[in-house]
Amino acid sequence: MKEQQRKQIVDVFCQSLNEEFEVYCTRHGVEASFESFITYAIDFNFIPNSTIQHYAILKTFEEMKHRPDMKKTEQVNQLADRFNLTSRSIWNILRKTK
């Protein structure tokens, strides 16, 4: 795809998204903010639940890495319990980010 065509597509997408977000805010009586935009994006499935879950797992794991009292396996097991997943699923999520 040529760069000019891509820019045109992105411009139309952004303009439409902004207009629809403004309507969403008016309809729901919320102030247009980053937080309300995230809620809008989640409500309309622009951000899949699996992406949100993976992001939360990765961020939580990053915070846990600073705990020298826990081995990595213990951290993964704790994440598995916290997010109701198997430890193998957690390992797979962590492996994909390397």
PDB file of N, CA and C in Angstrom:
ATOM      1  N   MET A   1       0.851  -1.177   0.000  1.00  0.00           N
ATOM      2  CA  MET A   1       0.000   0.000   0.000  1.00  0.00           C
ATOM      3  C   MET A   1       0.896   1.239   0.000  1.00  0.00           C
ATOM      4  N   LYS A   2       0.577   2.175  -0.850  1.00  0.00           N
ATOM      5  CA  LYS A   2       1.359   3.398  -0.920  1.00  0.00           C
ATOM      6  C   LYS A   2       1.154   4.210   0.354  1.00  0.00           C
ATOM      7  N   GLU A   3       2.182   4.957   0.705  1.00  0.00           N
ATOM      8  CA  GLU A   3       2.162   5.756   1.938  1.00  0.00           C
ATOM      9  C   GLU A   3       1.013   6.767   1.937  1.00  0.00           C
ATOM     10  N   GLN A   4       0.742   7.366   0.805  1.00  0.00           N
ATOM     11  CA  GLN A   4      -0.341   8.355   0.718  1.00  0.00           C
ATOM     12  C   GLN A   4      -1.704   7.697   0.944  1.00  0.00           C
ATOM     13  N   GLN A   5      -1.909   6.510   0.387  1.00  0.00           N
ATOM     14  CA  GLN A   5      -3.163   5.789   0.592  1.00  0.00           C
ATOM     15  C   GLN A   5      -3.314   5.409   2.063  1.00  0.00           C
ATOM     16  N   ARG A   6      -2.227   4.942   2.653  1.00  0.00           N
ATOM     17  CA  ARG A   6      -2.262   4.557   4.073  1.00  0.00           C
ATOM     18  C   ARG A   6      -2.620   5.766   4.942  1.00  0.00           C
ATOM     19  N   LYS A   7      -2.010   6.915   4.660  1.00  0.00           N
ATOM     20  CA  LYS A   7      -2.303   8.122   5.429  1.00  0.00           C
ATOM     21  C   LYS A   7      -3.771   8.501   5.285  1.00  0.00           C
ATOM     22  N   GLN A   8      -4.306   8.402   4.085  1.00  0.00           N
ATOM     23  CA  GLN A   8      -5.709   8.736   3.850  1.00  0.00           C
ATOM     24  C   GLN A   8      -6.626   7.795   4.651  1.00  0.00           C
ATOM     25  N   ILE A   9      -6.316   6.518   4.649  1.00  0.00           N
ATOM     26  CA  ILE A   9      -7.114   5.541   5.400  1.00  0.00           C
ATOM     27  C   ILE A   9      -7.053   5.850   6.893  1.00  0.00           C
ATOM     28  N   VAL A  10      -5.851   6.132   7.386  1.00  0.00           N
ATOM     29  CA  VAL A  10      -5.681   6.443   8.812  1.00  0.00           C
ATOM     30  C   VAL A  10      -6.427   7.729   9.161  1.00  0.00           C
ATOM     31  N   ASP A  11      -6.355   8.733   8.300  1.00  0.00           N
ATOM     32  CA  ASP A  11      -7.059  10.000   8.549  1.00  0.00           C
ATOM     33  C   ASP A  11      -8.572   9.783   8.643  1.00  0.00           C
ATOM     34  N   VAL A  12      -9.130   9.019   7.714  1.00  0.00           N
ATOM     35  CA  VAL A  12     -10.574   8.737   7.734  1.00  0.00           C
ATOM     36  C   VAL A  12     -10.932   7.953   8.997  1.00  0.00           C
ATOM     37  N   PHE A  13     -10.123   6.955   9.328  1.00  0.00           N
ATOM     38  CA  PHE A  13     -10.363   6.157  10.535  1.00  0.00           C
ATOM     39  C   PHE A  13     -10.354   7.040  11.783  1.00  0.00           C
ATOM     40  N   CYS A  14      -9.325   7.884  11.911  1.00  0.00           N
ATOM     41  CA  CYS A  14      -9.209   8.742  13.100  1.00  0.00           C
ATOM     42  C   CYS A  14     -10.361   9.731  13.202  1.00  0.00           C
ATOM     43  N   GLN A  15     -10.733  10.337  12.081  1.00  0.00           N
ATOM     44  CA  GLN A  15     -11.836  11.297  12.091  1.00  0.00           C
ATOM     45  C   GLN A  15     -13.142  10.597  12.491  1.00  0.00           C
ATOM     46  N   SER A  16     -13.404   9.443  11.904  1.00  0.00           N
ATOM     47  CA  SER A  16     -14.630   8.701  12.229  1.00  0.00           C
ATOM     48  C   SER A  16     -14.634   8.264  13.684  1.00  0.00           C
ATOM     49  N   LEU A  17     -13.505   7.766  14.151  1.00  0.00           N
ATOM     50  CA  LEU A  17     -13.391   7.311  15.529  1.00  0.00           C
ATOM     51  C   LEU A  17     -13.624   8.459  16.502  1.00  0.00           C
ATOM     52  N   ASN A  18     -13.050   9.610  16.198  1.00  0.00           N
ATOM     53  CA  ASN A  18     -13.221  10.776  17.060  1.00  0.00           C
ATOM     54  C   ASN A  18     -14.681  11.223  17.090  1.00  0.00           C
ATOM     55  N   GLU A  19     -15.339  11.249  15.936  1.00  0.00           N
ATOM     56  CA  GLU A  19     -16.754  11.648  15.883  1.00  0.00           C
ATOM     57  C   GLU A  19     -17.630  10.676  16.665  1.00  0.00           C
ATOM     58  N   GLU A  20     -17.377   9.379  16.483  1.00  0.00           N
ATOM     59  CA  GLU A  20     -18.173   8.374  17.197  1.00  0.00           C
ATOM     60  C   GLU A  20     -17.906   8.417  18.695  1.00  0.00           C
ATOM     61  N   PHE A  21     -16.666   8.705  19.092  1.00  0.00           N
ATOM     62  CA  PHE A  21     -16.334   8.830  20.512  1.00  0.00           C
ATOM     63  C   PHE A  21     -17.057  10.035  21.126  1.00  0.00           C
ATOM     64  N   GLU A  22     -17.113  11.137  20.405  1.00  0.00           N
ATOM     65  CA  GLU A  22     -17.829  12.316  20.902  1.00  0.00           C
ATOM     66  C   GLU A  22     -19.312  12.013  21.105  1.00  0.00           C
ATOM     67  N   VAL A  23     -19.913  11.290  20.170  1.00  0.00           N
ATOM     68  CA  VAL A  23     -21.315  10.887  20.305  1.00  0.00           C
ATOM     69  C   VAL A  23     -21.478   9.979  21.522  1.00  0.00           C
ATOM     70  N   TYR A  24     -20.572   9.041  21.700  1.00  0.00           N
ATOM     71  CA  TYR A  24     -20.579   8.119  22.842  1.00  0.00           C
ATOM     72  C   TYR A  24     -20.544   8.904  24.156  1.00  0.00           C
ATOM     73  N   CYS A  25     -19.638   9.884  24.240  1.00  0.00           N
ATOM     74  CA  CYS A  25     -19.521  10.684  25.467  1.00  0.00           C
ATOM     75  C   CYS A  25     -20.798  11.462  25.739  1.00  0.00           C
ATOM     76  N   THR A  26     -21.382  12.060  24.710  1.00  0.00           N
ATOM     77  CA  THR A  26     -22.627  12.810  24.871  1.00  0.00           C
ATOM     78  C   THR A  26     -23.754  11.894  25.312  1.00  0.00           C
ATOM     79  N   ARG A  27     -23.880  10.755  24.647  1.00  0.00           N
ATOM     80  CA  ARG A  27     -24.951   9.804  24.955  1.00  0.00           C
ATOM     81  C   ARG A  27     -24.853   9.285  26.395  1.00  0.00           C
ATOM     82  N   HIS A  28     -23.622   9.061  26.861  1.00  0.00           N
ATOM     83  CA  HIS A  28     -23.436   8.491  28.201  1.00  0.00           C
ATOM     84  C   HIS A  28     -23.154   9.553  29.263  1.00  0.00           C
ATOM     85  N   GLY A  29     -23.120  10.798  28.849  1.00  0.00           N
ATOM     86  CA  GLY A  29     -22.919  11.887  29.799  1.00  0.00           C
ATOM     87  C   GLY A  29     -21.567  11.839  30.491  1.00  0.00           C
ATOM     88  N   VAL A  30     -20.530  11.457  29.747  1.00  0.00           N
ATOM     89  CA  VAL A  30     -19.189  11.409  30.319  1.00  0.00           C
ATOM     90  C   VAL A  30     -18.301  12.443  29.637  1.00  0.00           C
ATOM     91  N   GLU A  31     -17.319  12.884  30.386  1.00  0.00           N
ATOM     92  CA  GLU A  31     -16.351  13.828  29.849  1.00  0.00           C
ATOM     93  C   GLU A  31     -15.365  13.083  28.956  1.00  0.00           C
ATOM     94  N   ALA A  32     -15.021  13.678  27.842  1.00  0.00           N
ATOM     95  CA  ALA A  32     -14.043  13.066  26.945  1.00  0.00           C
ATOM     96  C   ALA A  32     -12.671  13.118  27.610  1.00  0.00           C
ATOM     97  N   SER A  33     -12.144  11.954  27.937  1.00  0.00           N
ATOM     98  CA  SER A  33     -10.833  11.844  28.569  1.00  0.00           C
ATOM     99  C   SER A  33     -10.181  10.556  28.099  1.00  0.00           C
ATOM    100  N   PHE A  34      -8.952  10.378  28.476  1.00  0.00           N
ATOM    101  CA  PHE A  34      -8.251   9.151  28.103  1.00  0.00           C
ATOM    102  C   PHE A  34      -8.959   7.936  28.691  1.00  0.00           C
ATOM    103  N   GLU A  35      -9.369   8.030  29.956  1.00  0.00           N
ATOM    104  CA  GLU A  35     -10.047   6.916  30.614  1.00  0.00           C
ATOM    105  C   GLU A  35     -11.367   6.576  29.927  1.00  0.00           C
ATOM    106  N   SER A  36     -12.128   7.602  29.550  1.00  0.00           N
ATOM    107  CA  SER A  36     -13.399   7.314  28.883  1.00  0.00           C
ATOM    108  C   SER A  36     -13.160   6.780  27.473  1.00  0.00           C
ATOM    109  N   PHE A  37     -12.058   7.183  26.828  1.00  0.00           N
ATOM    110  CA  PHE A  37     -11.742   6.629  25.515  1.00  0.00           C
ATOM    111  C   PHE A  37     -11.394   5.144  25.628  1.00  0.00           C
ATOM    112  N   ILE A  38     -10.650   4.777  26.662  1.00  0.00           N
ATOM    113  CA  ILE A  38     -10.308   3.368  26.866  1.00  0.00           C
ATOM    114  C   ILE A  38     -11.586   2.562  27.094  1.00  0.00           C
ATOM    115  N   THR A  39     -12.492   3.083  27.900  1.00  0.00           N
ATOM    116  CA  THR A  39     -13.770   2.409  28.135  1.00  0.00           C
ATOM    117  C   THR A  39     -14.527   2.242  26.816  1.00  0.00           C
ATOM    118  N   TYR A  40     -14.560   3.291  26.022  1.00  0.00           N
ATOM    119  CA  TYR A  40     -15.201   3.251  24.698  1.00  0.00           C
ATOM    120  C   TYR A  40     -14.552   2.168  23.826  1.00  0.00           C
ATOM    121  N   ALA A  41     -13.228   2.147  23.778  1.00  0.00           N
ATOM    122  CA  ALA A  41     -12.512   1.176  22.938  1.00  0.00           C
ATOM    123  C   ALA A  41     -12.789  -0.254  23.390  1.00  0.00           C
ATOM    124  N   ILE A  42     -12.892  -0.459  24.697  1.00  0.00           N
ATOM    125  CA  ILE A  42     -13.185  -1.794  25.216  1.00  0.00           C
ATOM    126  C   ILE A  42     -14.642  -2.162  24.924  1.00  0.00           C
ATOM    127  N   ASP A  43     -15.564  -1.227  25.142  1.00  0.00           N
ATOM    128  CA  ASP A  43     -16.989  -1.482  24.896  1.00  0.00           C
ATOM    129  C   ASP A  43     -17.258  -1.893  23.447  1.00  0.00           C
ATOM    130  N   PHE A  44     -16.502  -1.313  22.514  1.00  0.00           N
ATOM    131  CA  PHE A  44     -16.718  -1.609  21.103  1.00  0.00           C
ATOM    132  C   PHE A  44     -15.710  -2.625  20.546  1.00  0.00           C
ATOM    133  N   ASN A  45     -15.059  -3.325  21.456  1.00  0.00           N
ATOM    134  CA  ASN A  45     -14.138  -4.419  21.118  1.00  0.00           C
ATOM    135  C   ASN A  45     -12.992  -4.015  20.193  1.00  0.00           C
ATOM    136  N   PHE A  46     -12.541  -2.766  20.304  1.00  0.00           N
ATOM    137  CA  PHE A  46     -11.333  -2.372  19.589  1.00  0.00           C
ATOM    138  C   PHE A  46     -10.116  -3.007  20.250  1.00  0.00           C
ATOM    139  N   ILE A  47     -10.248  -3.282  21.543  1.00  0.00           N
ATOM    140  CA  ILE A  47      -9.188  -3.933  22.305  1.00  0.00           C
ATOM    141  C   ILE A  47      -9.758  -5.262  22.796  1.00  0.00           C
ATOM    142  N   PRO A  48      -9.296  -6.375  22.254  1.00  0.00           N
ATOM    143  CA  PRO A  48      -9.829  -7.682  22.667  1.00  0.00           C
ATOM    144  C   PRO A  48      -9.514  -7.981  24.137  1.00  0.00           C
ATOM    145  N   ASN A  49     -10.392  -8.735  24.771  1.00  0.00           N
ATOM    146  CA  ASN A  49     -10.191  -9.105  26.174  1.00  0.00           C
ATOM    147  C   ASN A  49      -8.855  -9.810  26.388  1.00  0.00           C
ATOM    148  N   SER A  50      -8.446 -10.637  25.436  1.00  0.00           N
ATOM    149  CA  SER A  50      -7.175 -11.354  25.592  1.00  0.00           C
ATOM    150  C   SER A  50      -5.995 -10.381  25.618  1.00  0.00           C
ATOM    151  N   THR A  51      -6.069  -9.321  24.848  1.00  0.00           N
ATOM    152  CA  THR A  51      -5.001  -8.317  24.851  1.00  0.00           C
ATOM    153  C   THR A  51      -4.937  -7.614  26.202  1.00  0.00           C
ATOM    154  N   ILE A  52      -6.084  -7.282  26.748  1.00  0.00           N
ATOM    155  CA  ILE A  52      -6.136  -6.635  28.056  1.00  0.00           C
ATOM    156  C   ILE A  52      -5.559  -7.563  29.120  1.00  0.00           C
ATOM    157  N   GLN A  53      -5.947  -8.832  29.072  1.00  0.00           N
ATOM    158  CA  GLN A  53      -5.457  -9.809  30.039  1.00  0.00           C
ATOM    159  C   GLN A  53      -3.942  -9.988  29.917  1.00  0.00           C
ATOM    160  N   HIS A  54      -3.432 -10.124  28.698  1.00  0.00           N
ATOM    161  CA  HIS A  54      -1.989 -10.296  28.494  1.00  0.00           C
ATOM    162  C   HIS A  54      -1.233  -9.080  29.006  1.00  0.00           C
ATOM    163  N   TYR A  55      -1.739  -7.910  28.729  1.00  0.00           N
ATOM    164  CA  TYR A  55      -1.102  -6.682  29.184  1.00  0.00           C
ATOM    165  C   TYR A  55      -1.052  -6.635  30.715  1.00  0.00           C
ATOM    166  N   ALA A  56      -2.163  -6.965  31.349  1.00  0.00           N
ATOM    167  CA  ALA A  56      -2.212  -6.960  32.814  1.00  0.00           C
ATOM    168  C   ALA A  56      -1.225  -7.972  33.395  1.00  0.00           C
ATOM    169  N   ILE A  57      -1.144  -9.135  32.784  1.00  0.00           N
ATOM    170  CA  ILE A  57      -0.211 -10.165  33.254  1.00  0.00           C
ATOM    171  C   ILE A  57       1.228  -9.681  33.108  1.00  0.00           C
ATOM    172  N   LEU A  58       1.558  -9.124  31.959  1.00  0.00           N
ATOM    173  CA  LEU A  58       2.924  -8.653  31.725  1.00  0.00           C
ATOM    174  C   LEU A  58       3.312  -7.529  32.679  1.00  0.00           C
ATOM    175  N   LYS A  59       2.400  -6.592  32.905  1.00  0.00           N
ATOM    176  CA  LYS A  59       2.694  -5.488  33.817  1.00  0.00           C
ATOM    177  C   LYS A  59       2.833  -5.979  35.257  1.00  0.00           C
ATOM    178  N   THR A  60       1.992  -6.900  35.662  1.00  0.00           N
ATOM    179  CA  THR A  60       2.080  -7.456  37.008  1.00  0.00           C
ATOM    180  C   THR A  60       3.386  -8.220  37.180  1.00  0.00           C
ATOM    181  N   PHE A  61       3.767  -8.987  36.154  1.00  0.00           N
ATOM    182  CA  PHE A  61       5.022  -9.724  36.204  1.00  0.00           C
ATOM    183  C   PHE A  61       6.209  -8.769  36.307  1.00  0.00           C
ATOM    184  N   GLU A  62       6.173  -7.667  35.555  1.00  0.00           N
ATOM    185  CA  GLU A  62       7.249  -6.670  35.629  1.00  0.00           C
ATOM    186  C   GLU A  62       7.404  -6.143  37.052  1.00  0.00           C
ATOM    187  N   GLU A  63       6.279  -5.888  37.725  1.00  0.00           N
ATOM    188  CA  GLU A  63       6.320  -5.407  39.102  1.00  0.00           C
ATOM    189  C   GLU A  63       6.886  -6.477  40.036  1.00  0.00           C
ATOM    190  N   MET A  64       6.559  -7.728  39.777  1.00  0.00           N
ATOM    191  CA  MET A  64       6.999  -8.827  40.631  1.00  0.00           C
ATOM    192  C   MET A  64       8.494  -9.126  40.452  1.00  0.00           C
ATOM    193  N   LYS A  65       9.064  -8.789  39.309  1.00  0.00           N
ATOM    194  CA  LYS A  65      10.469  -9.081  39.048  1.00  0.00           C
ATOM    195  C   LYS A  65      11.395  -8.378  40.032  1.00  0.00           C
ATOM    196  N   HIS A  66      10.908  -7.333  40.644  1.00  0.00           N
ATOM    197  CA  HIS A  66      11.713  -6.566  41.586  1.00  0.00           C
ATOM    198  C   HIS A  66      11.677  -7.158  42.992  1.00  0.00           C
ATOM    199  N   ARG A  67      11.056  -8.311  43.113  1.00  0.00           N
ATOM    200  CA  ARG A  67      10.992  -8.992  44.412  1.00  0.00           C
ATOM    201  C   ARG A  67      12.011 -10.134  44.411  1.00  0.00           C
ATOM    202  N   PRO A  68      13.161  -9.909  45.003  1.00  0.00           N
ATOM    203  CA  PRO A  68      14.199 -10.948  44.975  1.00  0.00           C
ATOM    204  C   PRO A  68      13.870 -12.158  45.841  1.00  0.00           C
ATOM    205  N   ASP A  69      12.863 -12.033  46.692  1.00  0.00           N
ATOM    206  CA  ASP A  69      12.517 -13.138  47.580  1.00  0.00           C
ATOM    207  C   ASP A  69      11.688 -14.222  46.885  1.00  0.00           C
ATOM    208  N   MET A  70      11.257 -13.975  45.645  1.00  0.00           N
ATOM    209  CA  MET A  70      10.446 -14.950  44.914  1.00  0.00           C
ATOM    210  C   MET A  70      11.173 -15.425  43.670  1.00  0.00           C
ATOM    211  N   LYS A  71      11.191 -16.712  43.466  1.00  0.00           N
ATOM    212  CA  LYS A  71      11.745 -17.272  42.242  1.00  0.00           C
ATOM    213  C   LYS A  71      10.744 -17.050  41.117  1.00  0.00           C
ATOM    214  N   LYS A  72      11.241 -17.117  39.893  1.00  0.00           N
ATOM    215  CA  LYS A  72      10.393 -16.869  38.728  1.00  0.00           C
ATOM    216  C   LYS A  72       9.236 -17.871  38.663  1.00  0.00           C
ATOM    217  N   THR A  73       9.502 -19.124  39.005  1.00  0.00           N
ATOM    218  CA  THR A  73       8.448 -20.143  38.993  1.00  0.00           C
ATOM    219  C   THR A  73       7.354 -19.805  39.993  1.00  0.00           C
ATOM    220  N   GLU A  74       7.741 -19.308  41.144  1.00  0.00           N
ATOM    221  CA  GLU A  74       6.749 -18.902  42.152  1.00  0.00           C
ATOM    222  C   GLU A  74       5.918 -17.717  41.648  1.00  0.00           C
ATOM    223  N   GLN A  75       6.587 -16.801  40.983  1.00  0.00           N
ATOM    224  CA  GLN A  75       5.874 -15.647  40.436  1.00  0.00           C
ATOM    225  C   GLN A  75       4.850 -16.085  39.389  1.00  0.00           C
ATOM    226  N   VAL A  76       5.257 -17.007  38.524  1.00  0.00           N
ATOM    227  CA  VAL A  76       4.351 -17.508  37.487  1.00  0.00           C
ATOM    228  C   VAL A  76       3.170 -18.232  38.122  1.00  0.00           C
ATOM    229  N   ASN A  77       3.421 -19.041  39.137  1.00  0.00           N
ATOM    230  CA  ASN A  77       2.329 -19.741  39.825  1.00  0.00           C
ATOM    231  C   ASN A  77       1.377 -18.754  40.488  1.00  0.00           C
ATOM    232  N   GLN A  78       1.921 -17.704  41.063  1.00  0.00           N
ATOM    233  CA  GLN A  78       1.075 -16.680  41.686  1.00  0.00           C
ATOM    234  C   GLN A  78       0.228 -15.959  40.632  1.00  0.00           C
ATOM    235  N   LEU A  79       0.822 -15.654  39.483  1.00  0.00           N
ATOM    236  CA  LEU A  79       0.068 -15.027  38.392  1.00  0.00           C
ATOM    237  C   LEU A  79      -1.035 -15.959  37.889  1.00  0.00           C
ATOM    238  N   ALA A  80      -0.725 -17.237  37.785  1.00  0.00           N
ATOM    239  CA  ALA A  80      -1.718 -18.213  37.325  1.00  0.00           C
ATOM    240  C   ALA A  80      -2.919 -18.223  38.263  1.00  0.00           C
ATOM    241  N   ASP A  81      -2.658 -18.210  39.561  1.00  0.00           N
ATOM    242  CA  ASP A  81      -3.756 -18.172  40.535  1.00  0.00           C
ATOM    243  C   ASP A  81      -4.532 -16.859  40.431  1.00  0.00           C
ATOM    244  N   ARG A  82      -3.809 -15.785  40.339  1.00  0.00           N
ATOM    245  CA  ARG A  82      -4.438 -14.456  40.321  1.00  0.00           C
ATOM    246  C   ARG A  82      -5.323 -14.250  39.089  1.00  0.00           C
ATOM    247  N   PHE A  83      -4.873 -14.746  37.941  1.00  0.00           N
ATOM    248  CA  PHE A  83      -5.612 -14.530  36.695  1.00  0.00           C
ATOM    249  C   PHE A  83      -6.405 -15.754  36.254  1.00  0.00           C
ATOM    250  N   ASN A  84      -6.467 -16.751  37.113  1.00  0.00           N
ATOM    251  CA  ASN A  84      -7.250 -17.962  36.862  1.00  0.00           C
ATOM    252  C   ASN A  84      -6.856 -18.643  35.546  1.00  0.00           C
ATOM    253  N   LEU A  85      -5.551 -18.820  35.381  1.00  0.00           N
ATOM    254  CA  LEU A  85      -4.999 -19.489  34.207  1.00  0.00           C
ATOM    255  C   LEU A  85      -4.036 -20.574  34.673  1.00  0.00           C
ATOM    256  N   THR A  86      -3.624 -21.412  33.760  1.00  0.00           N
ATOM    257  CA  THR A  86      -2.616 -22.411  34.111  1.00  0.00           C
ATOM    258  C   THR A  86      -1.241 -21.737  34.075  1.00  0.00           C
ATOM    259  N   SER A  87      -0.305 -22.324  34.794  1.00  0.00           N
ATOM    260  CA  SER A  87       1.051 -21.773  34.774  1.00  0.00           C
ATOM    261  C   SER A  87       1.643 -21.868  33.369  1.00  0.00           C
ATOM    262  N   ARG A  88       1.264 -22.901  32.626  1.00  0.00           N
ATOM    263  CA  ARG A  88       1.735 -23.039  31.238  1.00  0.00           C
ATOM    264  C   ARG A  88       1.259 -21.866  30.390  1.00  0.00           C
ATOM    265  N   SER A  89       0.018 -21.427  30.587  1.00  0.00           N
ATOM    266  CA  SER A  89      -0.503 -20.269  29.848  1.00  0.00           C
ATOM    267  C   SER A  89       0.292 -19.006  30.183  1.00  0.00           C
ATOM    268  N   ILE A  90       0.610 -18.847  31.449  1.00  0.00           N
ATOM    269  CA  ILE A  90       1.394 -17.683  31.868  1.00  0.00           C
ATOM    270  C   ILE A  90       2.776 -17.724  31.223  1.00  0.00           C
ATOM    271  N   TRP A  91       3.416 -18.895  31.269  1.00  0.00           N
ATOM    272  CA  TRP A  91       4.731 -19.030  30.634  1.00  0.00           C
ATOM    273  C   TRP A  91       4.651 -18.676  29.151  1.00  0.00           C
ATOM    274  N   ASN A  92       3.609 -19.132  28.469  1.00  0.00           N
ATOM    275  CA  ASN A  92       3.444 -18.835  27.034  1.00  0.00           C
ATOM    276  C   ASN A  92       3.293 -17.343  26.781  1.00  0.00           C
ATOM    277  N   ILE A  93       2.528 -16.686  27.631  1.00  0.00           N
ATOM    278  CA  ILE A  93       2.339 -15.230  27.492  1.00  0.00           C
ATOM    279  C   ILE A  93       3.669 -14.512  27.695  1.00  0.00           C
ATOM    280  N   LEU A  94       4.402 -14.912  28.714  1.00  0.00           N
ATOM    281  CA  LEU A  94       5.694 -14.286  28.999  1.00  0.00           C
ATOM    282  C   LEU A  94       6.701 -14.559  27.881  1.00  0.00           C
ATOM    283  N   ARG A  95       6.661 -15.737  27.328  1.00  0.00           N
ATOM    284  CA  ARG A  95       7.593 -16.133  26.270  1.00  0.00           C
ATOM    285  C   ARG A  95       7.344 -15.314  24.993  1.00  0.00           C
ATOM    286  N   LYS A  96       6.122 -14.969  24.716  1.00  0.00           N
ATOM    287  CA  LYS A  96       5.790 -14.228  23.492  1.00  0.00           C
ATOM    288  C   LYS A  96       6.370 -12.819  23.481  1.00  0.00           C
ATOM    289  N   THR A  97       6.692 -12.283  24.641  1.00  0.00           N
ATOM    290  CA  THR A  97       7.171 -10.902  24.720  1.00  0.00           C
ATOM    291  C   THR A  97       8.685 -10.790  24.558  1.00  0.00           C
ATOM    292  N   LYS A  98       9.370 -11.897  24.545  1.00  0.00           N
ATOM    293  CA  LYS A  98      10.841 -11.844  24.439  1.00  0.00           C
ATOM    294  C   LYS A  98      11.285 -11.627  23.031  1.00  0.00           C
TER     295      LYS A  98
END
